Amino acid sequence: MTLRLPVEVAQGVERLARRFGHRPAQLGARLVEEGLRRRDFPQIELRDTAGGRVAYLAGTRFAVYWIAQSIRDGRTAEDFARQYEFPLERIQGALAYAAAFRTEIEG
């Protein structure tokens, strides 16, 4: 697939690629993939960390992998949501993301 980008957008991708030591095509593909993820999982945001890109419950300090691990360790989504005062739907969204991208989250 070939994409034609406006000049300013292409320059931005090239700058960012240089900054992180990637090829522009690699970075462009990752940005498109992350855009699709944001569309499918609006309650999740990806952040740069020392360990790479990590999914978080948007607006919180809770990593998706940590939420999923808490549930695997025997907590219910309802208990987690109640304890941290989140709508259950947000926790379910984090778990859906974890299920969709399990290999990334589990390393």
C-alpha atoms as a PDB file:
ATOM      1  CA  MET A   1       0.000   0.000   0.000  1.00  0.00           C
ATOM      2  CA  THR A   2       1.239   3.445  -0.832  1.00  0.00           C
ATOM      3  CA  LEU A   3      -0.010   6.580   0.866  1.00  0.00           C
ATOM      4  CA  ARG A   4       0.391  10.110  -0.357  1.00  0.00           C
ATOM      5  CA  LEU A   5       0.813  12.512   2.513  1.00  0.00           C
ATOM      6  CA  PRO A   6       0.648  16.281   2.498  1.00  0.00           C
ATOM      7  CA  VAL A   7       4.171  17.709   2.474  1.00  0.00           C
ATOM      8  CA  GLU A   8       3.946  18.990   6.061  1.00  0.00           C
ATOM      9  CA  VAL A   9       2.746  15.615   7.346  1.00  0.00           C
ATOM     10  CA  ALA A  10       5.476  13.737   5.465  1.00  0.00           C
ATOM     11  CA  GLN A  11       8.110  16.079   6.891  1.00  0.00           C
ATOM     12  CA  GLY A  12       6.747  15.502  10.382  1.00  0.00           C
ATOM     13  CA  VAL A  13       6.939  11.725   9.945  1.00  0.00           C
ATOM     14  CA  GLU A  14      10.502  12.022   8.629  1.00  0.00           C
ATOM     15  CA  ARG A  15      11.561  14.214  11.581  1.00  0.00           C
ATOM     16  CA  LEU A  16      10.033  11.826  14.093  1.00  0.00           C
ATOM     17  CA  ALA A  17      11.577   8.809  12.350  1.00  0.00           C
ATOM     18  CA  ARG A  18      15.043  10.391  12.526  1.00  0.00           C
ATOM     19  CA  ARG A  19      14.521  11.241  16.174  1.00  0.00           C
ATOM     20  CA  PHE A  20      13.769   7.619  17.056  1.00  0.00           C
ATOM     21  CA  GLY A  21      16.084   5.972  14.541  1.00  0.00           C
ATOM     22  CA  HIS A  22      13.350   4.383  12.401  1.00  0.00           C
ATOM     23  CA  ARG A  23      12.664   4.424   8.719  1.00  0.00           C
ATOM     24  CA  PRO A  24       9.815   6.789   7.802  1.00  0.00           C
ATOM     25  CA  ALA A  25       7.768   3.923   6.309  1.00  0.00           C
ATOM     26  CA  GLN A  26       8.124   1.912   9.551  1.00  0.00           C
ATOM     27  CA  LEU A  27       7.060   4.833  11.665  1.00  0.00           C
ATOM     28  CA  GLY A  28       4.209   5.731   9.316  1.00  0.00           C
ATOM     29  CA  ALA A  29       2.859   2.187   9.530  1.00  0.00           C
ATOM     30  CA  ARG A  30       3.051   2.284  13.326  1.00  0.00           C
ATOM     31  CA  LEU A  31       1.245   5.619  13.470  1.00  0.00           C
ATOM     32  CA  VAL A  32      -1.537   4.325  11.231  1.00  0.00           C
ATOM     33  CA  GLU A  33      -1.834   1.170  13.355  1.00  0.00           C
ATOM     34  CA  GLU A  34      -2.031   3.216  16.543  1.00  0.00           C
ATOM     35  CA  GLY A  35      -4.661   5.462  14.972  1.00  0.00           C
ATOM     36  CA  LEU A  36      -6.768   2.401  14.184  1.00  0.00           C
ATOM     37  CA  ARG A  37      -6.332   1.157  17.750  1.00  0.00           C
ATOM     38  CA  ARG A  38      -7.443   4.539  19.122  1.00  0.00           C
ATOM     39  CA  ARG A  39     -10.520   4.369  16.953  1.00  0.00           C
ATOM     40  CA  ASP A  40     -11.373   0.848  18.141  1.00  0.00           C
ATOM     41  CA  PHE A  41     -10.379   1.448  21.786  1.00  0.00           C
ATOM     42  CA  PRO A  42     -10.905   5.161  22.578  1.00  0.00           C
ATOM     43  CA  GLN A  43     -10.490   4.534  26.323  1.00  0.00           C
ATOM     44  CA  ILE A  44      -6.874   3.397  25.774  1.00  0.00           C
ATOM     45  CA  GLU A  45      -3.843   5.592  25.138  1.00  0.00           C
ATOM     46  CA  LEU A  46      -0.356   4.496  24.166  1.00  0.00           C
ATOM     47  CA  ARG A  47       2.552   6.166  25.932  1.00  0.00           C
ATOM     48  CA  ASP A  48       6.304   6.102  25.461  1.00  0.00           C
ATOM     49  CA  THR A  49       8.031   4.503  28.438  1.00  0.00           C
ATOM     50  CA  ALA A  50      11.516   3.208  29.132  1.00  0.00           C
ATOM     51  CA  GLY A  51      10.182  -0.212  28.104  1.00  0.00           C
ATOM     52  CA  GLY A  52       8.669   1.022  24.824  1.00  0.00           C
ATOM     53  CA  ARG A  53       5.075   1.899  23.933  1.00  0.00           C
ATOM     54  CA  VAL A  54       2.681   0.867  26.696  1.00  0.00           C
ATOM     55  CA  ALA A  55      -1.120   0.926  26.698  1.00  0.00           C
ATOM     56  CA  TYR A  56      -2.787   2.808  29.579  1.00  0.00           C
ATOM     57  CA  LEU A  57      -6.360   3.422  30.599  1.00  0.00           C
ATOM     58  CA  ALA A  58      -6.763   6.953  29.225  1.00  0.00           C
ATOM     59  CA  GLY A  59      -6.359   9.722  31.773  1.00  0.00           C
ATOM     60  CA  THR A  60      -4.961   7.420  34.448  1.00  0.00           C
ATOM     61  CA  ARG A  61      -1.679   5.936  35.615  1.00  0.00           C
ATOM     62  CA  PHE A  62      -3.066   2.404  35.192  1.00  0.00           C
ATOM     63  CA  ALA A  63      -1.301   0.321  32.549  1.00  0.00           C
ATOM     64  CA  VAL A  64      -3.584  -2.107  30.722  1.00  0.00           C
ATOM     65  CA  TYR A  65      -1.210  -4.990  31.476  1.00  0.00           C
ATOM     66  CA  TRP A  66      -1.532  -4.245  35.202  1.00  0.00           C
ATOM     67  CA  ILE A  67      -5.324  -4.167  35.072  1.00  0.00           C
ATOM     68  CA  ALA A  68      -5.380  -7.443  33.129  1.00  0.00           C
ATOM     69  CA  GLN A  69      -2.934  -9.048  35.575  1.00  0.00           C
ATOM     70  CA  SER A  70      -5.091  -7.958  38.517  1.00  0.00           C
ATOM     71  CA  ILE A  71      -8.085  -9.679  36.944  1.00  0.00           C
ATOM     72  CA  ARG A  72      -6.057 -12.821  36.131  1.00  0.00           C
ATOM     73  CA  ASP A  73      -4.943 -12.870  39.778  1.00  0.00           C
ATOM     74  CA  GLY A  74      -8.542 -13.382  40.867  1.00  0.00           C
ATOM     75  CA  ARG A  75     -10.135  -9.952  41.148  1.00  0.00           C
ATOM     76  CA  THR A  76     -13.302  -9.281  39.264  1.00  0.00           C
ATOM     77  CA  ALA A  77     -13.653  -6.375  36.880  1.00  0.00           C
ATOM     78  CA  GLU A  78     -16.504  -5.119  39.065  1.00  0.00           C
ATOM     79  CA  ASP A  79     -14.301  -5.127  42.197  1.00  0.00           C
ATOM     80  CA  PHE A  80     -11.498  -3.358  40.357  1.00  0.00           C
ATOM     81  CA  ALA A  81     -13.859  -0.695  38.995  1.00  0.00           C
ATOM     82  CA  ARG A  82     -15.447  -0.148  42.392  1.00  0.00           C
ATOM     83  CA  GLN A  83     -12.125   0.073  44.265  1.00  0.00           C
ATOM     84  CA  TYR A  84     -10.662   2.660  41.899  1.00  0.00           C
ATOM     85  CA  GLU A  85     -13.983   4.401  41.208  1.00  0.00           C
ATOM     86  CA  PHE A  86     -14.012   3.775  37.450  1.00  0.00           C
ATOM     87  CA  PRO A  87     -17.053   2.983  35.365  1.00  0.00           C
ATOM     88  CA  LEU A  88     -17.100  -0.765  34.759  1.00  0.00           C
ATOM     89  CA  GLU A  89     -17.203  -0.118  31.004  1.00  0.00           C
ATOM     90  CA  ARG A  90     -13.721   1.437  31.125  1.00  0.00           C
ATOM     91  CA  ILE A  91     -12.274  -1.622  32.847  1.00  0.00           C
ATOM     92  CA  GLN A  92     -14.037  -3.893  30.379  1.00  0.00           C
ATOM     93  CA  GLY A  93     -12.549  -1.805  27.564  1.00  0.00           C
ATOM     94  CA  ALA A  94      -9.054  -2.271  29.002  1.00  0.00           C
ATOM     95  CA  LEU A  95      -9.654  -6.024  29.232  1.00  0.00           C
ATOM     96  CA  ALA A  96     -10.923  -6.124  25.643  1.00  0.00           C
ATOM     97  CA  TYR A  97      -7.760  -4.324  24.521  1.00  0.00           C
ATOM     98  CA  ALA A  98      -5.627  -6.758  26.521  1.00  0.00           C
ATOM     99  CA  ALA A  99      -7.390  -9.708  24.878  1.00  0.00           C
ATOM    100  CA  ALA A 100      -6.994  -8.229  21.392  1.00  0.00           C
ATOM    101  CA  PHE A 101      -3.281  -7.556  21.867  1.00  0.00           C
ATOM    102  CA  ARG A 102      -2.371 -10.300  24.341  1.00  0.00           C
ATOM    103  CA  THR A 103       1.013 -11.141  22.826  1.00  0.00           C
ATOM    104  CA  GLU A 104       2.131  -7.512  23.083  1.00  0.00           C
ATOM    105  CA  ILE A 105       0.934  -7.132  26.644  1.00  0.00           C
ATOM    106  CA  GLU A 106       2.380 -10.390  27.920  1.00  0.00           C
ATOM    107  CA  GLY A 107       5.675  -9.812  26.138  1.00  0.00           C
END
